[in-house]
Amino acid sequence: MRLARVEAPGGRFSGVVVGGPGEEVVHALPGGTTVLDLAAAGLDAAREAAAAARRSSPAVPLSAVRLLPPLEPPSVRDFVAFEEHVEGVVRSVGGGSGGTVPDAWYEAPTFYFANPHSLIGAHDDVAVPPGCTVLDFELEVAAIVGAAGTNLSPAQARQHVFGYTVFNDWSARDLQGREMRVGLGPAKGKDFATTLGPWVVTADELEDFRDSDGHLALELTAEVDGRRVGHDLLSNAGWTFEEMVAYASRGTWVRPGDVLGSGTCGNGGCLAELWGRAGAQEPPPLAPGNRVRLHVEGIGAVENLVVAGEPLGAVPVVPTARRRSRARHRPD
């Protein structure tokens, strides 16, 4: 099943998408049901709701609606699961490591928490964030959690993955590079936009793509203005999604609708990796007018136009840090 959230002339609704490329239609789910509701209810309930939608609601051409992020997740974790990506990016963003993958990367599937309020739809414009001059895309796949769980094993975690979607972790590399020197990881460098879409494909639809190691061997392709700049297999990730979900659940809970990004794939899954390998910003950073298309086999494609954003001078100024005396008592 393909489950989407759309904005139509009559309002917003969630629905099931049917039909081939260029002929897709969406049927509204009954009773205002959302994709998040179905993730919590499970695959069998989702099948019943989708069947009811096709029977009882009219077919709306997908071309007549705006695709929204397919769900409003309670949290977004983004992993960094591709060794090849780390090799390239640390040269251009990490600084000082000469492209060496840190030993700690191999020990556990590291992630950071992203902003669930910055999600945008499959074809929405992406505004350059204030102060950014080095804009980049990142080609990822995301898993959507279904049933809640804690301290899961990877085998158990497979039953907690409801579906998958395409994930573009847009990055302001110049802002990110400054922030990461402080040692806390990306903040405003990642805080402005994340594309999620075009829909959620339920996990059962992709089982035939599993390789002998249990990885989903999906082809991933990135294009900028129609030129292919990246191509990889999802199975080149160092961990399966089940292993990432299990790690995320350690000592805490994963909840229905939680989004877990795979991290950026290798071989041109982002421009920064290519810059790190070439020693120069070629292809150049993204700029207004560039169109980025990311395609994931078995799921679909997202395509976003980069547009000008608010210039730094047009937003409120936050001063630099003031040196303090470190006094321990108020002056008399």
C-alpha atoms as a PDB file:
ATOM      1  CA  MET A   1       0.000   0.000   0.000  1.00  0.00           C
ATOM      2  CA  ARG A   2       0.953   3.592  -0.609  1.00  0.00           C
ATOM      3  CA  LEU A   3      -0.458   5.920   2.028  1.00  0.00           C
ATOM      4  CA  ALA A   4      -0.325   9.680   1.548  1.00  0.00           C
ATOM      5  CA  ARG A   5      -1.459  12.926   3.149  1.00  0.00           C
ATOM      6  CA  VAL A   6      -2.644  15.558   0.708  1.00  0.00           C
ATOM      7  CA  GLU A   7      -4.014  19.063   0.454  1.00  0.00           C
ATOM      8  CA  ALA A   8      -6.946  19.367  -1.928  1.00  0.00           C
ATOM      9  CA  PRO A   9      -9.294  22.267  -2.710  1.00  0.00           C
ATOM     10  CA  GLY A  10     -11.698  20.929  -0.069  1.00  0.00           C
ATOM     11  CA  GLY A  11      -9.080  20.565   2.662  1.00  0.00           C
ATOM     12  CA  ARG A  12      -6.476  18.112   3.862  1.00  0.00           C
ATOM     13  CA  PHE A  13      -6.942  14.367   4.163  1.00  0.00           C
ATOM     14  CA  SER A  14      -5.007  11.111   4.279  1.00  0.00           C
ATOM     15  CA  GLY A  15      -5.616   8.459   1.671  1.00  0.00           C
ATOM     16  CA  VAL A  16      -4.490   5.401  -0.218  1.00  0.00           C
ATOM     17  CA  VAL A  17      -2.764   5.924  -3.577  1.00  0.00           C
ATOM     18  CA  VAL A  18      -3.466   3.530  -6.441  1.00  0.00           C
ATOM     19  CA  GLY A  19      -2.534   3.466 -10.110  1.00  0.00           C
ATOM     20  CA  GLY A  20       0.643   3.526 -12.155  1.00  0.00           C
ATOM     21  CA  PRO A  21       3.034   6.426 -12.818  1.00  0.00           C
ATOM     22  CA  GLY A  22       1.207   9.424 -14.229  1.00  0.00           C
ATOM     23  CA  GLU A  23      -2.173   7.834 -13.516  1.00  0.00           C
ATOM     24  CA  GLU A  24      -2.179   7.796  -9.713  1.00  0.00           C
ATOM     25  CA  VAL A  25      -5.335   8.630  -7.822  1.00  0.00           C
ATOM     26  CA  VAL A  26      -5.912   8.960  -4.091  1.00  0.00           C
ATOM     27  CA  HIS A  27      -8.948   7.729  -2.130  1.00  0.00           C
ATOM     28  CA  ALA A  28      -9.618   9.419   1.222  1.00  0.00           C
ATOM     29  CA  LEU A  29      -9.413   7.179   4.274  1.00  0.00           C
ATOM     30  CA  PRO A  30     -12.717   6.868   6.126  1.00  0.00           C
ATOM     31  CA  GLY A  31     -13.633   8.966   9.131  1.00  0.00           C
ATOM     32  CA  GLY A  32     -10.669  11.302   8.980  1.00  0.00           C
ATOM     33  CA  THR A  33      -8.239   8.467   9.639  1.00  0.00           C
ATOM     34  CA  THR A  34      -4.583   9.496   9.268  1.00  0.00           C
ATOM     35  CA  VAL A  35      -1.467   7.625   8.233  1.00  0.00           C
ATOM     36  CA  LEU A  36      -0.272   7.997  11.826  1.00  0.00           C
ATOM     37  CA  ASP A  37      -3.480   6.294  12.987  1.00  0.00           C
ATOM     38  CA  LEU A  38      -2.825   3.385  10.651  1.00  0.00           C
ATOM     39  CA  ALA A  39       0.799   3.062  11.735  1.00  0.00           C
ATOM     40  CA  ALA A  40      -0.427   2.671  15.311  1.00  0.00           C
ATOM     41  CA  ALA A  41      -3.220   0.275  14.319  1.00  0.00           C
ATOM     42  CA  GLY A  42      -0.997  -2.058  12.317  1.00  0.00           C
ATOM     43  CA  LEU A  43      -0.843  -3.533   8.852  1.00  0.00           C
ATOM     44  CA  ASP A  44      -4.070  -5.561   8.985  1.00  0.00           C
ATOM     45  CA  ALA A  45      -6.095  -2.525  10.069  1.00  0.00           C
ATOM     46  CA  ALA A  46      -4.380  -0.465   7.378  1.00  0.00           C
ATOM     47  CA  ARG A  47      -5.413  -2.967   4.720  1.00  0.00           C
ATOM     48  CA  GLU A  48      -9.031  -2.813   5.893  1.00  0.00           C
ATOM     49  CA  ALA A  49      -9.034   0.986   5.923  1.00  0.00           C
ATOM     50  CA  ALA A  50      -7.472   1.130   2.464  1.00  0.00           C
ATOM     51  CA  ALA A  51     -10.057  -1.288   1.075  1.00  0.00           C
ATOM     52  CA  ALA A  52     -12.866   0.772   2.627  1.00  0.00           C
ATOM     53  CA  ALA A  53     -11.404   3.943   1.121  1.00  0.00           C
ATOM     54  CA  ARG A  54     -11.337   2.466  -2.370  1.00  0.00           C
ATOM     55  CA  ARG A  55     -14.933   1.299  -2.030  1.00  0.00           C
ATOM     56  CA  SER A  56     -16.452   4.401  -0.493  1.00  0.00           C
ATOM     57  CA  SER A  57     -14.490   7.508  -1.473  1.00  0.00           C
ATOM     58  CA  PRO A  58     -14.067   9.007  -4.947  1.00  0.00           C
ATOM     59  CA  ALA A  59     -10.792   8.764  -6.840  1.00  0.00           C
ATOM     60  CA  VAL A  60      -9.008  12.126  -6.823  1.00  0.00           C
ATOM     61  CA  PRO A  61      -6.220  12.525  -9.399  1.00  0.00           C
ATOM     62  CA  LEU A  62      -2.918  12.936  -7.641  1.00  0.00           C
ATOM     63  CA  SER A  63      -2.112  15.709 -10.096  1.00  0.00           C
ATOM     64  CA  ALA A  64      -4.973  17.743  -8.601  1.00  0.00           C
ATOM     65  CA  VAL A  65      -3.631  17.749  -5.030  1.00  0.00           C
ATOM     66  CA  ARG A  66      -0.520  18.839  -3.147  1.00  0.00           C
ATOM     67  CA  LEU A  67       1.407  16.048  -1.485  1.00  0.00           C
ATOM     68  CA  LEU A  68       2.125  16.867   2.158  1.00  0.00           C
ATOM     69  CA  PRO A  69       4.572  14.953   4.349  1.00  0.00           C
ATOM     70  CA  PRO A  70       2.710  11.632   4.676  1.00  0.00           C
ATOM     71  CA  LEU A  71       2.405  11.910   8.452  1.00  0.00           C
ATOM     72  CA  GLU A  72       3.097  14.269  11.338  1.00  0.00           C
ATOM     73  CA  PRO A  73       5.618  12.270  13.379  1.00  0.00           C
ATOM     74  CA  PRO A  74       6.128  12.625  17.128  1.00  0.00           C
ATOM     75  CA  SER A  75       9.901  12.435  16.612  1.00  0.00           C
ATOM     76  CA  VAL A  76      12.521  12.234  13.871  1.00  0.00           C
ATOM     77  CA  ARG A  77      15.851  10.456  14.371  1.00  0.00           C
ATOM     78  CA  ASP A  78      18.422  10.625  11.602  1.00  0.00           C
ATOM     79  CA  PHE A  79      21.189   8.024  11.562  1.00  0.00           C
ATOM     80  CA  VAL A  80      24.507   8.041   9.720  1.00  0.00           C
ATOM     81  CA  ALA A  81      24.624   4.460   8.512  1.00  0.00           C
ATOM     82  CA  PHE A  82      26.717   4.636   5.307  1.00  0.00           C
ATOM     83  CA  GLU A  83      30.477   4.319   5.748  1.00  0.00           C
ATOM     84  CA  GLU A  84      31.211   5.720   2.290  1.00  0.00           C
ATOM     85  CA  HIS A  85      29.227   8.868   3.079  1.00  0.00           C
ATOM     86  CA  VAL A  86      31.177   9.410   6.300  1.00  0.00           C
ATOM     87  CA  GLU A  87      34.501   8.987   4.484  1.00  0.00           C
ATOM     88  CA  GLY A  88      33.698  11.771   2.057  1.00  0.00           C
ATOM     89  CA  VAL A  89      31.829  14.193   4.275  1.00  0.00           C
ATOM     90  CA  VAL A  90      34.313  14.354   7.146  1.00  0.00           C
ATOM     91  CA  ARG A  91      36.820  15.816   4.708  1.00  0.00           C
ATOM     92  CA  SER A  92      34.585  18.705   3.701  1.00  0.00           C
ATOM     93  CA  VAL A  93      32.551  19.288   6.884  1.00  0.00           C
ATOM     94  CA  GLY A  94      34.155  17.400   9.784  1.00  0.00           C
ATOM     95  CA  GLY A  95      37.591  18.989   9.471  1.00  0.00           C
ATOM     96  CA  GLY A  96      40.888  17.700  10.736  1.00  0.00           C
ATOM     97  CA  SER A  97      40.268  13.968  10.311  1.00  0.00           C
ATOM     98  CA  GLY A  98      41.575  13.553   6.776  1.00  0.00           C
ATOM     99  CA  GLY A  99      38.565  11.528   5.702  1.00  0.00           C
ATOM    100  CA  THR A 100      39.066   8.794   8.293  1.00  0.00           C
ATOM    101  CA  VAL A 101      35.905   7.195   9.626  1.00  0.00           C
ATOM    102  CA  PRO A 102      35.974   7.469  13.436  1.00  0.00           C
ATOM    103  CA  ASP A 103      36.342   4.144  15.243  1.00  0.00           C
ATOM    104  CA  ALA A 104      33.204   4.969  17.234  1.00  0.00           C
ATOM    105  CA  TRP A 105      31.136   4.900  14.032  1.00  0.00           C
ATOM    106  CA  TYR A 106      31.585   1.114  13.780  1.00  0.00           C
ATOM    107  CA  GLU A 107      30.473   0.503  17.355  1.00  0.00           C
ATOM    108  CA  ALA A 108      26.843   1.632  17.161  1.00  0.00           C
ATOM    109  CA  PRO A 109      24.422   3.275  14.697  1.00  0.00           C
ATOM    110  CA  THR A 110      24.737   6.938  15.726  1.00  0.00           C
ATOM    111  CA  PHE A 111      21.848   9.353  15.206  1.00  0.00           C
ATOM    112  CA  TYR A 112      20.727  12.874  16.035  1.00  0.00           C
ATOM    113  CA  PHE A 113      17.212  14.186  16.634  1.00  0.00           C
ATOM    114  CA  ALA A 114      15.874  16.277  13.757  1.00  0.00           C
ATOM    115  CA  ASN A 115      13.057  18.825  13.799  1.00  0.00           C
ATOM    116  CA  PRO A 116       9.633  17.232  13.138  1.00  0.00           C
ATOM    117  CA  HIS A 117       8.186  20.719  12.536  1.00  0.00           C
ATOM    118  CA  SER A 118      10.425  21.420   9.531  1.00  0.00           C
ATOM    119  CA  LEU A 119       9.058  18.641   7.309  1.00  0.00           C
ATOM    120  CA  ILE A 120       7.977  19.572   3.795  1.00  0.00           C
ATOM    121  CA  GLY A 121       6.160  17.699   1.052  1.00  0.00           C
ATOM    122  CA  ALA A 122       7.458  15.819  -1.965  1.00  0.00           C
ATOM    123  CA  HIS A 123       7.174  18.766  -4.361  1.00  0.00           C
ATOM    124  CA  ASP A 124       7.329  21.790  -2.061  1.00  0.00           C
ATOM    125  CA  ASP A 125       9.850  24.563  -2.659  1.00  0.00           C
ATOM    126  CA  VAL A 126      12.900  24.681  -0.370  1.00  0.00           C
ATOM    127  CA  ALA A 127      14.012  28.136   0.746  1.00  0.00           C
ATOM    128  CA  VAL A 128      17.695  28.765   1.376  1.00  0.00           C
ATOM    129  CA  PRO A 129      17.970  29.382   5.147  1.00  0.00           C
ATOM    130  CA  PRO A 130      19.221  32.750   6.415  1.00  0.00           C
ATOM    131  CA  GLY A 131      22.999  33.014   6.352  1.00  0.00           C
ATOM    132  CA  CYS A 132      23.553  29.926   4.215  1.00  0.00           C
ATOM    133  CA  THR A 133      25.711  30.019   1.102  1.00  0.00           C
ATOM    134  CA  VAL A 134      26.569  26.289   0.896  1.00  0.00           C
ATOM    135  CA  LEU A 135      23.283  24.403   0.503  1.00  0.00           C
ATOM    136  CA  ASP A 136      23.193  20.642  -0.003  1.00  0.00           C
ATOM    137  CA  PHE A 137      20.708  17.768  -0.290  1.00  0.00           C
ATOM    138  CA  GLU A 138      20.994  14.327   1.341  1.00  0.00           C
ATOM    139  CA  LEU A 139      19.468  11.179  -0.162  1.00  0.00           C
ATOM    140  CA  GLU A 140      18.060   8.861   2.496  1.00  0.00           C
ATOM    141  CA  VAL A 141      15.306   6.360   3.189  1.00  0.00           C
ATOM    142  CA  ALA A 142      13.255   6.541   6.379  1.00  0.00           C
ATOM    143  CA  ALA A 143      11.457   3.821   8.297  1.00  0.00           C
ATOM    144  CA  ILE A 144       8.146   4.590  10.010  1.00  0.00           C
ATOM    145  CA  VAL A 145       7.587   2.919  13.374  1.00  0.00           C
ATOM    146  CA  GLY A 146       4.286   1.116  13.921  1.00  0.00           C
ATOM    147  CA  ALA A 147       3.788  -0.541  17.288  1.00  0.00           C
ATOM    148  CA  ALA A 148       5.469   0.979  20.328  1.00  0.00           C
ATOM    149  CA  GLY A 149       8.374  -0.894  21.847  1.00  0.00           C
ATOM    150  CA  THR A 150      11.323  -0.667  24.197  1.00  0.00           C
ATOM    151  CA  ASN A 151      14.603  -2.574  24.458  1.00  0.00           C
ATOM    152  CA  LEU A 152      13.783  -4.435  21.271  1.00  0.00           C
ATOM    153  CA  SER A 153      16.018  -6.995  19.628  1.00  0.00           C
ATOM    154  CA  PRO A 154      16.561  -6.561  15.869  1.00  0.00           C
ATOM    155  CA  ALA A 155      14.322  -9.587  15.260  1.00  0.00           C
ATOM    156  CA  GLN A 156      11.554  -8.032  17.342  1.00  0.00           C
ATOM    157  CA  ALA A 157      12.095  -4.635  15.732  1.00  0.00           C
ATOM    158  CA  ARG A 158      11.166  -5.955  12.285  1.00  0.00           C
ATOM    159  CA  GLN A 159       7.583  -6.289  13.500  1.00  0.00           C
ATOM    160  CA  HIS A 160       7.663  -2.655  14.636  1.00  0.00           C
ATOM    161  CA  VAL A 161       8.441  -1.180  11.195  1.00  0.00           C
ATOM    162  CA  PHE A 162       5.213  -0.107   9.530  1.00  0.00           C
ATOM    163  CA  GLY A 163       6.596   1.283   6.285  1.00  0.00           C
ATOM    164  CA  TYR A 164       9.172   3.358   4.433  1.00  0.00           C
ATOM    165  CA  THR A 165       9.430   6.711   2.689  1.00  0.00           C
ATOM    166  CA  VAL A 166      11.999   8.938   0.945  1.00  0.00           C
ATOM    167  CA  PHE A 167      13.893  11.328   3.222  1.00  0.00           C
ATOM    168  CA  ASN A 168      15.887  14.390   2.067  1.00  0.00           C
ATOM    169  CA  ASP A 169      17.868  15.849   4.946  1.00  0.00           C
ATOM    170  CA  TRP A 170      18.606  19.306   3.473  1.00  0.00           C
ATOM    171  CA  SER A 171      21.818  20.742   4.904  1.00  0.00           C
ATOM    172  CA  ALA A 172      23.355  24.200   5.224  1.00  0.00           C
ATOM    173  CA  ARG A 173      26.950  22.991   5.139  1.00  0.00           C
ATOM    174  CA  ASP A 174      28.551  26.282   6.132  1.00  0.00           C
ATOM    175  CA  LEU A 175      26.299  26.607   9.192  1.00  0.00           C
ATOM    176  CA  GLN A 176      26.739  22.928  10.001  1.00  0.00           C
ATOM    177  CA  GLY A 177      30.531  23.112   9.822  1.00  0.00           C
ATOM    178  CA  ARG A 178      30.669  25.938  12.353  1.00  0.00           C
ATOM    179  CA  GLU A 179      28.198  24.272  14.712  1.00  0.00           C
ATOM    180  CA  MET A 180      29.916  20.897  14.710  1.00  0.00           C
ATOM    181  CA  ARG A 181      33.193  22.447  15.867  1.00  0.00           C
ATOM    182  CA  VAL A 182      31.421  23.094  19.183  1.00  0.00           C
ATOM    183  CA  GLY A 183      30.939  19.343  19.570  1.00  0.00           C
ATOM    184  CA  LEU A 184      27.148  19.074  19.758  1.00  0.00           C
ATOM    185  CA  GLY A 185      26.399  18.170  16.171  1.00  0.00           C
ATOM    186  CA  PRO A 186      24.216  19.949  13.598  1.00  0.00           C
ATOM    187  CA  ALA A 187      21.528  22.392  14.713  1.00  0.00           C
ATOM    188  CA  LYS A 188      20.518  25.303  12.472  1.00  0.00           C
ATOM    189  CA  GLY A 189      22.505  23.642   9.717  1.00  0.00           C
ATOM    190  CA  LYS A 190      19.747  21.003   9.573  1.00  0.00           C
ATOM    191  CA  ASP A 191      16.797  22.810  11.131  1.00  0.00           C
ATOM    192  CA  PHE A 192      15.071  24.429   8.152  1.00  0.00           C
ATOM    193  CA  ALA A 193      13.722  21.688   5.853  1.00  0.00           C
ATOM    194  CA  THR A 194      13.421  17.926   5.548  1.00  0.00           C
ATOM    195  CA  THR A 195      11.516  16.438   2.634  1.00  0.00           C
ATOM    196  CA  LEU A 196       9.400  13.402   3.490  1.00  0.00           C
ATOM    197  CA  GLY A 197       7.386  11.592   0.846  1.00  0.00           C
ATOM    198  CA  PRO A 198       5.898  11.128  -1.575  1.00  0.00           C
ATOM    199  CA  TRP A 199       4.007   8.597   0.561  1.00  0.00           C
ATOM    200  CA  VAL A 200       4.571   5.740   2.985  1.00  0.00           C
ATOM    201  CA  VAL A 201       4.957   2.337   1.351  1.00  0.00           C
ATOM    202  CA  THR A 202       3.992  -0.374   3.814  1.00  0.00           C
ATOM    203  CA  ALA A 203       6.787  -2.738   4.816  1.00  0.00           C
ATOM    204  CA  ASP A 204       5.212  -5.820   3.237  1.00  0.00           C
ATOM    205  CA  GLU A 205       5.554  -4.253  -0.230  1.00  0.00           C
ATOM    206  CA  LEU A 206       9.371  -4.246  -0.019  1.00  0.00           C
ATOM    207  CA  GLU A 207      10.124  -7.666   1.447  1.00  0.00           C
ATOM    208  CA  ASP A 208      11.079  -9.068  -1.961  1.00  0.00           C
ATOM    209  CA  PHE A 209      14.007  -6.623  -2.094  1.00  0.00           C
ATOM    210  CA  ARG A 210      15.778  -8.159   0.918  1.00  0.00           C
ATOM    211  CA  ASP A 211      19.217  -9.629   0.276  1.00  0.00           C
ATOM    212  CA  SER A 212      20.790 -12.588   2.060  1.00  0.00           C
ATOM    213  CA  ASP A 213      21.928 -10.348   4.937  1.00  0.00           C
ATOM    214  CA  GLY A 214      18.442  -8.983   5.523  1.00  0.00           C
ATOM    215  CA  HIS A 215      19.139  -5.571   3.995  1.00  0.00           C
ATOM    216  CA  LEU A 216      16.702  -3.919   1.608  1.00  0.00           C
ATOM    217  CA  ALA A 217      18.656  -3.733  -1.664  1.00  0.00           C
ATOM    218  CA  LEU A 218      16.828  -0.723  -3.098  1.00  0.00           C
ATOM    219  CA  GLU A 219      18.436   1.465  -5.776  1.00  0.00           C
ATOM    220  CA  LEU A 220      18.851   5.107  -4.747  1.00  0.00           C
ATOM    221  CA  THR A 221      19.357   7.888  -7.298  1.00  0.00           C
ATOM    222  CA  ALA A 222      19.973  11.640  -6.931  1.00  0.00           C
ATOM    223  CA  GLU A 223      19.659  14.188  -9.739  1.00  0.00           C
ATOM    224  CA  VAL A 224      20.282  17.924  -9.832  1.00  0.00           C
ATOM    225  CA  ASP A 225      18.641  19.697 -12.785  1.00  0.00           C
ATOM    226  CA  GLY A 226      18.261  16.364 -14.569  1.00  0.00           C
ATOM    227  CA  ARG A 227      21.916  15.358 -14.150  1.00  0.00           C
ATOM    228  CA  ARG A 228      22.588  12.238 -12.097  1.00  0.00           C
ATOM    229  CA  VAL A 229      25.069  13.006  -9.327  1.00  0.00           C
ATOM    230  CA  GLY A 230      24.504  10.052  -7.006  1.00  0.00           C
ATOM    231  CA  HIS A 231      23.631   6.355  -7.154  1.00  0.00           C
ATOM    232  CA  ASP A 232      23.834   3.679  -4.472  1.00  0.00           C
ATOM    233  CA  LEU A 233      22.079   0.703  -2.902  1.00  0.00           C
ATOM    234  CA  LEU A 234      20.312   0.983   0.444  1.00  0.00           C
ATOM    235  CA  SER A 235      21.885  -2.372   1.317  1.00  0.00           C
ATOM    236  CA  ASN A 236      25.281  -0.647   1.554  1.00  0.00           C
ATOM    237  CA  ALA A 237      24.226   0.756   4.933  1.00  0.00           C
ATOM    238  CA  GLY A 238      26.218  -0.597   7.840  1.00  0.00           C
ATOM    239  CA  TRP A 239      23.039  -1.531   9.720  1.00  0.00           C
ATOM    240  CA  THR A 240      19.573  -2.722   8.760  1.00  0.00           C
ATOM    241  CA  PHE A 241      16.566  -0.674   9.779  1.00  0.00           C
ATOM    242  CA  GLU A 242      15.691  -3.369  12.296  1.00  0.00           C
ATOM    243  CA  GLU A 243      19.060  -2.843  13.963  1.00  0.00           C
ATOM    244  CA  MET A 244      18.590   0.924  13.949  1.00  0.00           C
ATOM    245  CA  VAL A 245      15.111   0.641  15.464  1.00  0.00           C
ATOM    246  CA  ALA A 246      16.453  -1.736  18.110  1.00  0.00           C
ATOM    247  CA  TYR A 247      19.221   0.696  19.010  1.00  0.00           C
ATOM    248  CA  ALA A 248      16.802   3.622  19.116  1.00  0.00           C
ATOM    249  CA  SER A 249      14.601   1.672  21.550  1.00  0.00           C
ATOM    250  CA  ARG A 250      17.438   0.927  23.966  1.00  0.00           C
ATOM    251  CA  GLY A 251      16.565   2.314  27.375  1.00  0.00           C
ATOM    252  CA  THR A 252      13.593   4.255  25.985  1.00  0.00           C
ATOM    253  CA  TRP A 253      10.559   3.856  23.736  1.00  0.00           C
ATOM    254  CA  VAL A 254       9.928   4.105  20.030  1.00  0.00           C
ATOM    255  CA  ARG A 255       6.358   5.180  19.373  1.00  0.00           C
ATOM    256  CA  PRO A 256       3.929   4.890  16.435  1.00  0.00           C
ATOM    257  CA  GLY A 257       4.840   7.348  13.715  1.00  0.00           C
ATOM    258  CA  ASP A 258       8.442   7.886  14.813  1.00  0.00           C
ATOM    259  CA  VAL A 259      10.613   8.484  11.744  1.00  0.00           C
ATOM    260  CA  LEU A 260      14.103   6.957  11.529  1.00  0.00           C
ATOM    261  CA  GLY A 261      16.278   8.154   8.653  1.00  0.00           C
ATOM    262  CA  SER A 262      18.956   5.851   7.285  1.00  0.00           C
ATOM    263  CA  GLY A 263      21.521   8.567   6.906  1.00  0.00           C
ATOM    264  CA  THR A 264      22.833   9.668   3.542  1.00  0.00           C
ATOM    265  CA  CYS A 265      23.852   7.000   1.065  1.00  0.00           C
ATOM    266  CA  GLY A 266      27.299   6.891  -0.522  1.00  0.00           C
ATOM    267  CA  ASN A 267      28.522   7.530  -4.047  1.00  0.00           C
ATOM    268  CA  GLY A 268      27.080  11.015  -4.376  1.00  0.00           C
ATOM    269  CA  GLY A 269      24.178  10.821  -1.947  1.00  0.00           C
ATOM    270  CA  CYS A 270      25.017  14.438  -1.179  1.00  0.00           C
ATOM    271  CA  LEU A 271      27.276  17.084  -2.674  1.00  0.00           C
ATOM    272  CA  ALA A 272      29.494  17.366   0.412  1.00  0.00           C
ATOM    273  CA  GLU A 273      30.710  13.803  -0.062  1.00  0.00           C
ATOM    274  CA  LEU A 274      31.749  14.637  -3.621  1.00  0.00           C
ATOM    275  CA  TRP A 275      33.459  17.835  -2.437  1.00  0.00           C
ATOM    276  CA  GLY A 276      35.404  15.930   0.180  1.00  0.00           C
ATOM    277  CA  ARG A 277      36.680  13.420  -2.347  1.00  0.00           C
ATOM    278  CA  ALA A 278      37.486  15.986  -5.060  1.00  0.00           C
ATOM    279  CA  GLY A 279      38.926  18.649  -2.769  1.00  0.00           C
ATOM    280  CA  ALA A 280      36.748  21.265  -4.475  1.00  0.00           C
ATOM    281  CA  GLN A 281      33.084  22.268  -4.504  1.00  0.00           C
ATOM    282  CA  GLU A 282      32.213  20.542  -7.747  1.00  0.00           C
ATOM    283  CA  PRO A 283      29.319  20.229  -8.468  1.00  0.00           C
ATOM    284  CA  PRO A 284      28.700  23.635  -6.856  1.00  0.00           C
ATOM    285  CA  PRO A 285      26.444  24.179  -3.840  1.00  0.00           C
ATOM    286  CA  LEU A 286      22.749  24.393  -4.554  1.00  0.00           C
ATOM    287  CA  ALA A 287      21.290  27.791  -5.386  1.00  0.00           C
ATOM    288  CA  PRO A 288      17.847  29.220  -6.199  1.00  0.00           C
ATOM    289  CA  GLY A 289      16.615  27.689  -9.432  1.00  0.00           C
ATOM    290  CA  ASN A 290      18.196  24.266  -8.884  1.00  0.00           C
ATOM    291  CA  ARG A 291      15.807  21.314  -8.881  1.00  0.00           C
ATOM    292  CA  VAL A 292      16.696  18.222  -6.859  1.00  0.00           C
ATOM    293  CA  ARG A 293      15.074  14.871  -7.583  1.00  0.00           C
ATOM    294  CA  LEU A 294      15.629  11.845  -5.354  1.00  0.00           C
ATOM    295  CA  HIS A 295      14.297   8.441  -6.363  1.00  0.00           C
ATOM    296  CA  VAL A 296      14.138   5.257  -4.301  1.00  0.00           C
ATOM    297  CA  GLU A 297      13.264   1.981  -5.983  1.00  0.00           C
ATOM    298  CA  GLY A 298      10.012   0.503  -4.725  1.00  0.00           C
ATOM    299  CA  ILE A 299       8.976   3.733  -2.997  1.00  0.00           C
ATOM    300  CA  GLY A 300       8.955   6.644  -5.445  1.00  0.00           C
ATOM    301  CA  ALA A 301      10.476  10.067  -5.972  1.00  0.00           C
ATOM    302  CA  VAL A 302      10.517  13.509  -4.412  1.00  0.00           C
ATOM    303  CA  GLU A 303      11.452  16.619  -6.383  1.00  0.00           C
ATOM    304  CA  ASN A 304      11.989  20.039  -4.843  1.00  0.00           C
ATOM    305  CA  LEU A 305      12.876  23.431  -6.304  1.00  0.00           C
ATOM    306  CA  VAL A 306      15.383  25.564  -4.395  1.00  0.00           C
ATOM    307  CA  VAL A 307      14.173  29.147  -3.961  1.00  0.00           C
ATOM    308  CA  ALA A 308      15.589  32.244  -2.318  1.00  0.00           C
ATOM    309  CA  GLY A 309      14.931  32.572   1.401  1.00  0.00           C
ATOM    310  CA  GLU A 310      15.056  35.408   3.876  1.00  0.00           C
ATOM    311  CA  PRO A 311      18.452  37.142   3.838  1.00  0.00           C
ATOM    312  CA  LEU A 312      20.317  37.176   7.118  1.00  0.00           C
ATOM    313  CA  GLY A 313      19.831  40.913   7.475  1.00  0.00           C
ATOM    314  CA  ALA A 314      16.052  40.525   7.360  1.00  0.00           C
ATOM    315  CA  VAL A 315      15.780  38.287  10.426  1.00  0.00           C
ATOM    316  CA  PRO A 316      16.338  39.290  14.064  1.00  0.00           C
ATOM    317  CA  VAL A 317      19.991  39.446  15.023  1.00  0.00           C
ATOM    318  CA  VAL A 318      21.291  37.219  17.811  1.00  0.00           C
ATOM    319  CA  PRO A 319      24.497  38.699  19.261  1.00  0.00           C
ATOM    320  CA  THR A 320      27.729  36.808  19.650  1.00  0.00           C
ATOM    321  CA  ALA A 321      28.581  35.541  23.117  1.00  0.00           C
ATOM    322  CA  ARG A 322      29.664  38.111  25.694  1.00  0.00           C
ATOM    323  CA  ARG A 323      32.712  37.279  27.797  1.00  0.00           C
ATOM    324  CA  ARG A 324      31.670  36.913  31.413  1.00  0.00           C
ATOM    325  CA  SER A 325      33.632  37.463  34.621  1.00  0.00           C
ATOM    326  CA  ARG A 326      32.769  34.051  36.113  1.00  0.00           C
ATOM    327  CA  ALA A 327      31.984  35.711  39.410  1.00  0.00           C
ATOM    328  CA  ARG A 328      30.266  33.422  41.907  1.00  0.00           C
ATOM    329  CA  HIS A 329      28.468  36.143  43.877  1.00  0.00           C
ATOM    330  CA  ARG A 330      26.424  39.190  42.896  1.00  0.00           C
ATOM    331  CA  PRO A 331      28.258  42.457  43.384  1.00  0.00           C
ATOM    332  CA  ASP A 332      27.206  44.497  46.420  1.00  0.00           C
END
